[in-house]
Amino acid sequence: MARNVREGRLSFTTDTPGAVRGALIVFIAVQTPPREDGATDLTAVDAVAREIGRVLDGYKVIVTKSTVPVGTSKRVKALIEEEVAAAGKQVTFSVASNPEFLREGAAIRDFMRPDRVVIGADDESSLAILKDLYRPLYLNETPFVITNIETSELTKYAANAFLATKISFINEMANLCESIGGDVQALARGIGLDQRIGSKFLHAGPGFGGSCFPKDTRSAAHFAREAGEELEVVEAVIRVNERQRRRMTTKIVAALGGETAGRTVGVLGLSFKPETDDMRDAPSIDIIADLVAAGAEVRAYDPAAMPHAARLLPEVKLCENAYDACTGADALVILTEWNQFRMLDLDRVRSLLARPIVVDLRNVYEPGSMRAAGFEYHCVGR
């Protein structure tokens, strides 16, 4: 980013009218948080659409990049038309959809080398302009999917819902493995080597979190119901994910011998995944809240999410490092698989814990090795 700013290809401004007037393509990339009923809050999208309409001075392509329910691009078009008419202007514009598929912690890499680019457009002018914008990616043979706006809007939801389905599926298999004496990691490898299935997102744990999967599955289920359709698989995925968090709390309580009140629990990892400080809908929030409500004292550490944790989990003792979180704890819980938690000094960990109990909710360590190191080790699906 610094290099492109320095070389004049990238700039930042808070002057929205100036930015719109100086552009041919305007991306709407604002927050679309969930509402209580699972619907998507389009307040920011509506506000920026109206602002664009008020300052529009010539032909532009307005592109919805935010994850939005099907029909939002038409809504954006209507709002812009309303503002243009109110101002008595004679200008034309196009609206298109170009959903983002960026992973947190890898956004720039994903932007420069995407798996695919999806463009939804209903007129040839906007399609030609967006193809020209992405021309460098054509040279790298990036796959392009050209479709109508509705399909483009739905594609992001379908992708996230499918990935969330894989996570909930492997978590249910993990629970079954615990009942029958199976090993979910061997199971995941056994099915993941099938190219029709693939190995990604087949990692058992406390369920998915973050800013996308929980919000997008609920939003997809909500707007599908409004369209008169039931996404029964997606609805089940949401239920399984919620149940998995409760199951993880039960696992921790069982490891403590069924007695939580007065116990101290050390927690490693608070963000919903490694390489980000994002705690939105993180499993850590629900699990820690349950432990605190049951009378436990929680000591926690995360390499990146501590500022957010101070606000979201005020009842938790935030520690300086992983070993500080272990100090005096009756059990150590691994909630996020940061790389630095994979290479802990186990002798030091054991000496700091009040009781040598480790509840590894991300299957970071091998059961046999941990038990040989003197730990009472609990994991997921093994």
Foldseek 3Di string as FASTA:
>chain_A
DVVCVVVPNDDDDPPVLVVLAVDQEAEDADDFAADPQLATRCPSVLVVLLVSLQNDDEEHEYEYAYQHAQPVQVVSVVNSVVNVVVVVHDYDYFYKYWYDDADALCRVVCVVQPQETEIAGDDPVNVVVVCVVCVVVVVVVRHYHYHHRRVRSCVLLVVLLVLLLLLLVLQVVLVVLVVVVHASVVVLVVVQVPVVRHNPSNFFFLGAFFRPNLSSLSNVQVVCVVVVHGPPSSVVSNVSNVVSLVVLLVVVCVLLVVQLAPFEEQEEDQDQEPSDLHNGRRSNLVSVVVSVVSHYAYEYEYPRNVVVCCVSPVRHHYDDDRLRSLAAGQEYEYRYPYPVVLDDPLVSSCVRHPAQEYEYRRCSDDPVVSVVSPHNYHYTSD
